[in-house]
Amino acid sequence: MTLSHPQEDGVPHRGGVKDWVRSWIGIVSCVALAVLAFLILRDHAAHLLSAVPYLLLLACPLMHIFMHGGHGHQHHHPEERKE
């Protein structure tokens, strides 16, 4: 059985993530995940906080790789260079 709803353009639409979240099972799943996340954070906060310095150290090379934008390596042609 497929769930299809006609759209304005006549193309059948299958339920996506928005439809799933709005269903009862989606709401119950989101609440269960929120409760689970709260319990994990409450019981294991010391473990998670001990990882913060390592996450900061990991952030440095990742920012260097992804956020520097090439360090001026635009590969200009000699005739395009403005001096």
PDB file of N, CA and C in Angstrom:
ATOM      1  N   MET A   1       0.847  -1.174   0.000  1.00  0.00           N
ATOM      2  CA  MET A   1       0.000   0.000   0.000  1.00  0.00           C
ATOM      3  C   MET A   1       0.886   1.227   0.000  1.00  0.00           C
ATOM      4  N   THR A   2       0.668   2.139  -0.906  1.00  0.00           N
ATOM      5  CA  THR A   2       1.438   3.372  -0.956  1.00  0.00           C
ATOM      6  C   THR A   2       0.535   4.527  -0.583  1.00  0.00           C
ATOM      7  N   LEU A   3       1.111   5.444   0.157  1.00  0.00           N
ATOM      8  CA  LEU A   3       0.371   6.642   0.518  1.00  0.00           C
ATOM      9  C   LEU A   3       0.671   7.705  -0.514  1.00  0.00           C
ATOM     10  N   SER A   4      -0.329   8.155  -1.194  1.00  0.00           N
ATOM     11  CA  SER A   4      -0.112   9.224  -2.158  1.00  0.00           C
ATOM     12  C   SER A   4      -1.242  10.230  -2.023  1.00  0.00           C
ATOM     13  N   HIS A   5      -0.855  11.467  -2.060  1.00  0.00           N
ATOM     14  CA  HIS A   5      -1.806  12.564  -1.959  1.00  0.00           C
ATOM     15  C   HIS A   5      -1.643  13.422  -3.200  1.00  0.00           C
ATOM     16  N   PRO A   6      -2.720  13.764  -3.873  1.00  0.00           N
ATOM     17  CA  PRO A   6      -2.568  14.596  -5.069  1.00  0.00           C
ATOM     18  C   PRO A   6      -2.115  16.002  -4.693  1.00  0.00           C
ATOM     19  N   GLN A   7      -1.177  16.526  -5.478  1.00  0.00           N
ATOM     20  CA  GLN A   7      -0.727  17.891  -5.279  1.00  0.00           C
ATOM     21  C   GLN A   7      -1.411  18.783  -6.288  1.00  0.00           C
ATOM     22  N   GLU A   8      -1.069  20.060  -6.228  1.00  0.00           N
ATOM     23  CA  GLU A   8      -1.678  21.013  -7.154  1.00  0.00           C
ATOM     24  C   GLU A   8      -1.294  20.716  -8.597  1.00  0.00           C
ATOM     25  N   ASP A   9      -0.060  20.198  -8.802  1.00  0.00           N
ATOM     26  CA  ASP A   9       0.383  19.926 -10.164  1.00  0.00           C
ATOM     27  C   ASP A   9      -0.054  18.545 -10.657  1.00  0.00           C
ATOM     28  N   GLY A  10      -0.787  17.791  -9.851  1.00  0.00           N
ATOM     29  CA  GLY A  10      -1.304  16.501 -10.254  1.00  0.00           C
ATOM     30  C   GLY A  10      -0.358  15.343 -10.027  1.00  0.00           C
ATOM     31  N   VAL A  11       0.862  15.619  -9.574  1.00  0.00           N
ATOM     32  CA  VAL A  11       1.836  14.560  -9.326  1.00  0.00           C
ATOM     33  C   VAL A  11       1.599  14.017  -7.923  1.00  0.00           C
ATOM     34  N   PRO A  12       1.472  12.689  -7.771  1.00  0.00           N
ATOM     35  CA  PRO A  12       1.256  12.153  -6.428  1.00  0.00           C
ATOM     36  C   PRO A  12       2.449  12.452  -5.517  1.00  0.00           C
ATOM     37  N   HIS A  13       2.138  12.720  -4.261  1.00  0.00           N
ATOM     38  CA  HIS A  13       3.153  13.082  -3.273  1.00  0.00           C
ATOM     39  C   HIS A  13       3.190  12.018  -2.198  1.00  0.00           C
ATOM     40  N   ARG A  14       4.369  11.445  -1.980  1.00  0.00           N
ATOM     41  CA  ARG A  14       4.519  10.498  -0.885  1.00  0.00           C
ATOM     42  C   ARG A  14       4.898  11.263   0.365  1.00  0.00           C
ATOM     43  N   GLY A  15       4.492  10.765   1.505  1.00  0.00           N
ATOM     44  CA  GLY A  15       4.785  11.418   2.764  1.00  0.00           C
ATOM     45  C   GLY A  15       6.276  11.519   3.011  1.00  0.00           C
ATOM     46  N   GLY A  16       6.728  12.688   3.408  1.00  0.00           N
ATOM     47  CA  GLY A  16       8.135  12.912   3.676  1.00  0.00           C
ATOM     48  C   GLY A  16       8.377  13.022   5.166  1.00  0.00           C
ATOM     49  N   VAL A  17       9.468  13.651   5.516  1.00  0.00           N
ATOM     50  CA  VAL A  17       9.845  13.798   6.915  1.00  0.00           C
ATOM     51  C   VAL A  17       8.835  14.667   7.645  1.00  0.00           C
ATOM     52  N   LYS A  18       8.368  15.717   7.004  1.00  0.00           N
ATOM     53  CA  LYS A  18       7.390  16.593   7.661  1.00  0.00           C
ATOM     54  C   LYS A  18       6.115  15.835   8.011  1.00  0.00           C
ATOM     55  N   ASP A  19       5.681  14.990   7.093  1.00  0.00           N
ATOM     56  CA  ASP A  19       4.474  14.206   7.369  1.00  0.00           C
ATOM     57  C   ASP A  19       4.720  13.193   8.477  1.00  0.00           C
ATOM     58  N   TRP A  20       5.921  12.617   8.520  1.00  0.00           N
ATOM     59  CA  TRP A  20       6.227  11.629   9.550  1.00  0.00           C
ATOM     60  C   TRP A  20       6.297  12.286  10.923  1.00  0.00           C
ATOM     61  N   VAL A  21       6.921  13.462  11.014  1.00  0.00           N
ATOM     62  CA  VAL A  21       7.044  14.137  12.306  1.00  0.00           C
ATOM     63  C   VAL A  21       5.673  14.537  12.831  1.00  0.00           C
ATOM     64  N   ARG A  22       4.774  14.873  11.961  1.00  0.00           N
ATOM     65  CA  ARG A  22       3.433  15.291  12.394  1.00  0.00           C
ATOM     66  C   ARG A  22       2.520  14.117  12.750  1.00  0.00           C
ATOM     67  N   SER A  23       2.944  12.890  12.447  1.00  0.00           N
ATOM     68  CA  SER A  23       2.129  11.730  12.792  1.00  0.00           C
ATOM     69  C   SER A  23       2.330  11.386  14.267  1.00  0.00           C
ATOM     70  N   TRP A  24       1.465  10.522  14.786  1.00  0.00           N
ATOM     71  CA  TRP A  24       1.553  10.137  16.198  1.00  0.00           C
ATOM     72  C   TRP A  24       2.859   9.418  16.504  1.00  0.00           C
ATOM     73  N   ILE A  25       3.257   8.525  15.631  1.00  0.00           N
ATOM     74  CA  ILE A  25       4.492   7.788  15.891  1.00  0.00           C
ATOM     75  C   ILE A  25       5.701   8.722  15.816  1.00  0.00           C
ATOM     76  N   GLY A  26       5.639   9.735  14.977  1.00  0.00           N
ATOM     77  CA  GLY A  26       6.718  10.703  14.913  1.00  0.00           C
ATOM     78  C   GLY A  26       6.814  11.540  16.179  1.00  0.00           C
ATOM     79  N   ILE A  27       5.671  11.971  16.688  1.00  0.00           N
ATOM     80  CA  ILE A  27       5.647  12.768  17.921  1.00  0.00           C
ATOM     81  C   ILE A  27       6.160  11.936  19.091  1.00  0.00           C
ATOM     82  N   VAL A  28       5.688  10.699  19.208  1.00  0.00           N
ATOM     83  CA  VAL A  28       6.131   9.817  20.290  1.00  0.00           C
ATOM     84  C   VAL A  28       7.625   9.534  20.171  1.00  0.00           C
ATOM     85  N   SER A  29       8.112   9.330  18.964  1.00  0.00           N
ATOM     86  CA  SER A  29       9.541   9.078  18.766  1.00  0.00           C
ATOM     87  C   SER A  29      10.378  10.286  19.160  1.00  0.00           C
ATOM     88  N   CYS A  30       9.943  11.483  18.787  1.00  0.00           N
ATOM     89  CA  CYS A  30      10.687  12.697  19.140  1.00  0.00           C
ATOM     90  C   CYS A  30      10.710  12.915  20.646  1.00  0.00           C
ATOM     91  N   VAL A  31       9.604  12.664  21.310  1.00  0.00           N
ATOM     92  CA  VAL A  31       9.567  12.810  22.764  1.00  0.00           C
ATOM     93  C   VAL A  31      10.469  11.768  23.424  1.00  0.00           C
ATOM     94  N   ALA A  32      10.427  10.531  22.936  1.00  0.00           N
ATOM     95  CA  ALA A  32      11.286   9.483  23.497  1.00  0.00           C
ATOM     96  C   ALA A  32      12.758   9.821  23.298  1.00  0.00           C
ATOM     97  N   LEU A  33      13.139  10.354  22.133  1.00  0.00           N
ATOM     98  CA  LEU A  33      14.518  10.754  21.893  1.00  0.00           C
ATOM     99  C   LEU A  33      14.937  11.918  22.790  1.00  0.00           C
ATOM    100  N   ALA A  34      14.019  12.856  23.035  1.00  0.00           N
ATOM    101  CA  ALA A  34      14.332  13.973  23.923  1.00  0.00           C
ATOM    102  C   ALA A  34      14.550  13.493  25.357  1.00  0.00           C
ATOM    103  N   VAL A  35      13.715  12.579  25.831  1.00  0.00           N
ATOM    104  CA  VAL A  35      13.878  12.025  27.180  1.00  0.00           C
ATOM    105  C   VAL A  35      15.179  11.242  27.274  1.00  0.00           C
ATOM    106  N   LEU A  36      15.481  10.457  26.265  1.00  0.00           N
ATOM    107  CA  LEU A  36      16.724   9.685  26.240  1.00  0.00           C
ATOM    108  C   LEU A  36      17.945  10.609  26.249  1.00  0.00           C
ATOM    109  N   ALA A  37      17.912  11.675  25.461  1.00  0.00           N
ATOM    110  CA  ALA A  37      19.025  12.634  25.439  1.00  0.00           C
ATOM    111  C   ALA A  37      19.197  13.299  26.796  1.00  0.00           C
ATOM    112  N   PHE A  38      18.084  13.658  27.450  1.00  0.00           N
ATOM    113  CA  PHE A  38      18.163  14.269  28.777  1.00  0.00           C
ATOM    114  C   PHE A  38      18.793  13.308  29.787  1.00  0.00           C
ATOM    115  N   LEU A  39      18.372  12.054  29.764  1.00  0.00           N
ATOM    116  CA  LEU A  39      18.919  11.081  30.705  1.00  0.00           C
ATOM    117  C   LEU A  39      20.400  10.824  30.460  1.00  0.00           C
ATOM    118  N   ILE A  40      20.788  10.747  29.217  1.00  0.00           N
ATOM    119  CA  ILE A  40      22.204  10.536  28.906  1.00  0.00           C
ATOM    120  C   ILE A  40      23.026  11.735  29.354  1.00  0.00           C
ATOM    121  N   LEU A  41      22.538  12.942  29.080  1.00  0.00           N
ATOM    122  CA  LEU A  41      23.273  14.144  29.495  1.00  0.00           C
ATOM    123  C   LEU A  41      23.354  14.249  31.009  1.00  0.00           C
ATOM    124  N   ARG A  42      22.287  13.874  31.699  1.00  0.00           N
ATOM    125  CA  ARG A  42      22.276  13.980  33.153  1.00  0.00           C
ATOM    126  C   ARG A  42      23.227  12.968  33.786  1.00  0.00           C
ATOM    127  N   ASP A  43      23.212  11.746  33.289  1.00  0.00           N
ATOM    128  CA  ASP A  43      24.012  10.688  33.904  1.00  0.00           C
ATOM    129  C   ASP A  43      25.475  10.713  33.457  1.00  0.00           C
ATOM    130  N   HIS A  44      25.747  11.249  32.300  1.00  0.00           N
ATOM    131  CA  HIS A  44      27.102  11.184  31.751  1.00  0.00           C
ATOM    132  C   HIS A  44      27.680  12.562  31.469  1.00  0.00           C
ATOM    133  N   ALA A  45      27.256  13.569  32.202  1.00  0.00           N
ATOM    134  CA  ALA A  45      27.737  14.932  31.973  1.00  0.00           C
ATOM    135  C   ALA A  45      29.240  15.033  32.218  1.00  0.00           C
ATOM    136  N   ALA A  46      29.758  14.342  33.214  1.00  0.00           N
ATOM    137  CA  ALA A  46      31.194  14.408  33.504  1.00  0.00           C
ATOM    138  C   ALA A  46      32.005  13.833  32.346  1.00  0.00           C
ATOM    139  N   HIS A  47      31.523  12.758  31.753  1.00  0.00           N
ATOM    140  CA  HIS A  47      32.228  12.171  30.615  1.00  0.00           C
ATOM    141  C   HIS A  47      32.208  13.117  29.423  1.00  0.00           C
ATOM    142  N   LEU A  48      31.062  13.725  29.178  1.00  0.00           N
ATOM    143  CA  LEU A  48      30.948  14.633  28.043  1.00  0.00           C
ATOM    144  C   LEU A  48      31.782  15.888  28.249  1.00  0.00           C
ATOM    145  N   LEU A  49      31.797  16.417  29.473  1.00  0.00           N
ATOM    146  CA  LEU A  49      32.579  17.620  29.737  1.00  0.00           C
ATOM    147  C   LEU A  49      34.075  17.340  29.683  1.00  0.00           C
ATOM    148  N   SER A  50      34.492  16.137  29.983  1.00  0.00           N
ATOM    149  CA  SER A  50      35.917  15.818  29.900  1.00  0.00           C
ATOM    150  C   SER A  50      36.390  15.752  28.446  1.00  0.00           C
ATOM    151  N   ALA A  51      35.487  15.627  27.496  1.00  0.00           N
ATOM    152  CA  ALA A  51      35.859  15.571  26.088  1.00  0.00           C
ATOM    153  C   ALA A  51      35.960  16.955  25.462  1.00  0.00           C
ATOM    154  N   VAL A  52      35.517  18.008  26.135  1.00  0.00           N
ATOM    155  CA  VAL A  52      35.512  19.353  25.561  1.00  0.00           C
ATOM    156  C   VAL A  52      36.905  19.823  25.153  1.00  0.00           C
ATOM    157  N   PRO A  53      37.957  19.674  25.972  1.00  0.00           N
ATOM    158  CA  PRO A  53      39.279  20.129  25.509  1.00  0.00           C
ATOM    159  C   PRO A  53      39.743  19.418  24.230  1.00  0.00           C
ATOM    160  N   TYR A  54      39.439  18.143  24.113  1.00  0.00           N
ATOM    161  CA  TYR A  54      39.832  17.415  22.905  1.00  0.00           C
ATOM    162  C   TYR A  54      39.028  17.881  21.692  1.00  0.00           C
ATOM    163  N   LEU A  55      37.769  18.231  21.903  1.00  0.00           N
ATOM    164  CA  LEU A  55      36.966  18.764  20.800  1.00  0.00           C
ATOM    165  C   LEU A  55      37.490  20.115  20.339  1.00  0.00           C
ATOM    166  N   LEU A  56      37.958  20.940  21.283  1.00  0.00           N
ATOM    167  CA  LEU A  56      38.553  22.219  20.905  1.00  0.00           C
ATOM    168  C   LEU A  56      39.841  22.005  20.111  1.00  0.00           C
ATOM    169  N   LEU A  57      40.654  21.046  20.534  1.00  0.00           N
ATOM    170  CA  LEU A  57      41.873  20.745  19.790  1.00  0.00           C
ATOM    171  C   LEU A  57      41.559  20.194  18.396  1.00  0.00           C
ATOM    172  N   LEU A  58      40.499  19.443  18.280  1.00  0.00           N
ATOM    173  CA  LEU A  58      40.100  18.918  16.985  1.00  0.00           C
ATOM    174  C   LEU A  58      39.525  20.029  16.105  1.00  0.00           C
ATOM    175  N   ALA A  59      38.899  21.019  16.702  1.00  0.00           N
ATOM    176  CA  ALA A  59      38.303  22.105  15.933  1.00  0.00           C
ATOM    177  C   ALA A  59      39.359  22.947  15.233  1.00  0.00           C
ATOM    178  N   CYS A  60      40.552  23.079  15.826  1.00  0.00           N
ATOM    179  CA  CYS A  60      41.593  23.920  15.235  1.00  0.00           C
ATOM    180  C   CYS A  60      42.017  23.434  13.845  1.00  0.00           C
ATOM    181  N   PRO A  61      42.422  22.170  13.680  1.00  0.00           N
ATOM    182  CA  PRO A  61      42.798  21.755  12.319  1.00  0.00           C
ATOM    183  C   PRO A  61      41.609  21.714  11.359  1.00  0.00           C
ATOM    184  N   LEU A  62      40.430  21.401  11.862  1.00  0.00           N
ATOM    185  CA  LEU A  62      39.265  21.373  10.979  1.00  0.00           C
ATOM    186  C   LEU A  62      38.932  22.770  10.466  1.00  0.00           C
ATOM    187  N   MET A  63      39.020  23.784  11.341  1.00  0.00           N
ATOM    188  CA  MET A  63      38.786  25.152  10.884  1.00  0.00           C
ATOM    189  C   MET A  63      39.883  25.577   9.913  1.00  0.00           C
ATOM    190  N   HIS A  64      41.108  25.168  10.160  1.00  0.00           N
ATOM    191  CA  HIS A  64      42.196  25.522   9.263  1.00  0.00           C
ATOM    192  C   HIS A  64      41.964  24.934   7.878  1.00  0.00           C
ATOM    193  N   ILE A  65      41.487  23.708   7.826  1.00  0.00           N
ATOM    194  CA  ILE A  65      41.260  23.057   6.541  1.00  0.00           C
ATOM    195  C   ILE A  65      40.066  23.661   5.808  1.00  0.00           C
ATOM    196  N   PHE A  66      38.959  23.858   6.511  1.00  0.00           N
ATOM    197  CA  PHE A  66      37.712  24.207   5.836  1.00  0.00           C
ATOM    198  C   PHE A  66      37.387  25.695   5.790  1.00  0.00           C
ATOM    199  N   MET A  67      38.032  26.528   6.589  1.00  0.00           N
ATOM    200  CA  MET A  67      37.584  27.912   6.684  1.00  0.00           C
ATOM    201  C   MET A  67      38.572  28.953   6.161  1.00  0.00           C
ATOM    202  N   HIS A  68      39.746  28.563   5.729  1.00  0.00           N
ATOM    203  CA  HIS A  68      40.711  29.569   5.303  1.00  0.00           C
ATOM    204  C   HIS A  68      40.482  30.053   3.884  1.00  0.00           C
ATOM    205  N   GLY A  69      39.820  29.335   3.072  1.00  0.00           N
ATOM    206  CA  GLY A  69      39.462  29.802   1.743  1.00  0.00           C
ATOM    207  C   GLY A  69      40.620  29.883   0.767  1.00  0.00           C
ATOM    208  N   GLY A  70      41.633  29.106   0.925  1.00  0.00           N
ATOM    209  CA  GLY A  70      42.661  29.006  -0.078  1.00  0.00           C
ATOM    210  C   GLY A  70      43.880  29.876   0.112  1.00  0.00           C
ATOM    211  N   HIS A  71      43.927  30.776   1.059  1.00  0.00           N
ATOM    212  CA  HIS A  71      45.092  31.619   1.329  1.00  0.00           C
ATOM    213  C   HIS A  71      45.528  32.407   0.104  1.00  0.00           C
ATOM    214  N   GLY A  72      44.602  32.920  -0.669  1.00  0.00           N
ATOM    215  CA  GLY A  72      44.956  33.764  -1.798  1.00  0.00           C
ATOM    216  C   GLY A  72      45.380  33.011  -3.036  1.00  0.00           C
ATOM    217  N   HIS A  73      45.059  31.777  -3.172  1.00  0.00           N
ATOM    218  CA  HIS A  73      45.412  30.994  -4.359  1.00  0.00           C
ATOM    219  C   HIS A  73      44.277  31.087  -5.374  1.00  0.00           C
ATOM    220  N   GLN A  74      44.058  32.303  -5.891  1.00  0.00           N
ATOM    221  CA  GLN A  74      42.974  32.481  -6.853  1.00  0.00           C
ATOM    222  C   GLN A  74      43.399  32.129  -8.264  1.00  0.00           C
ATOM    223  N   HIS A  75      44.692  31.882  -8.496  1.00  0.00           N
ATOM    224  CA  HIS A  75      45.210  31.493  -9.802  1.00  0.00           C
ATOM    225  C   HIS A  75      44.856  32.529 -10.860  1.00  0.00           C
ATOM    226  N   HIS A  76      45.238  33.789 -10.613  1.00  0.00           N
ATOM    227  CA  HIS A  76      45.007  34.853 -11.595  1.00  0.00           C
ATOM    228  C   HIS A  76      45.929  34.668 -12.774  1.00  0.00           C
ATOM    229  N   HIS A  77      45.411  35.000 -13.913  1.00  0.00           N
ATOM    230  CA  HIS A  77      46.243  35.035 -15.115  1.00  0.00           C
ATOM    231  C   HIS A  77      47.050  36.328 -15.095  1.00  0.00           C
ATOM    232  N   PRO A  78      48.235  36.335 -15.678  1.00  0.00           N
ATOM    233  CA  PRO A  78      49.064  37.549 -15.626  1.00  0.00           C
ATOM    234  C   PRO A  78      48.385  38.776 -16.202  1.00  0.00           C
ATOM    235  N   GLU A  79      47.558  38.620 -17.224  1.00  0.00           N
ATOM    236  CA  GLU A  79      46.902  39.781 -17.811  1.00  0.00           C
ATOM    237  C   GLU A  79      45.767  40.316 -16.932  1.00  0.00           C
ATOM    238  N   GLU A  80      45.253  39.508 -16.003  1.00  0.00           N
ATOM    239  CA  GLU A  80      44.173  39.948 -15.117  1.00  0.00           C
ATOM    240  C   GLU A  80      44.687  40.577 -13.845  1.00  0.00           C
ATOM    241  N   ARG A  81      45.954  40.464 -13.549  1.00  0.00           N
ATOM    242  CA  ARG A  81      46.505  40.961 -12.301  1.00  0.00           C
ATOM    243  C   ARG A  81      46.518  42.483 -12.306  1.00  0.00           C
ATOM    244  N   LYS A  82      45.984  43.067 -11.225  1.00  0.00           N
ATOM    245  CA  LYS A  82      45.979  44.517 -11.068  1.00  0.00           C
ATOM    246  C   LYS A  82      47.054  44.880 -10.071  1.00  0.00           C
ATOM    247  N   GLU A  83      47.873  45.870 -10.413  1.00  0.00           N
ATOM    248  CA  GLU A  83      48.948  46.278  -9.512  1.00  0.00           C
ATOM    249  C   GLU A  83      48.787  47.714  -9.115  1.00  0.00           C
TER     250      GLU A  83
END
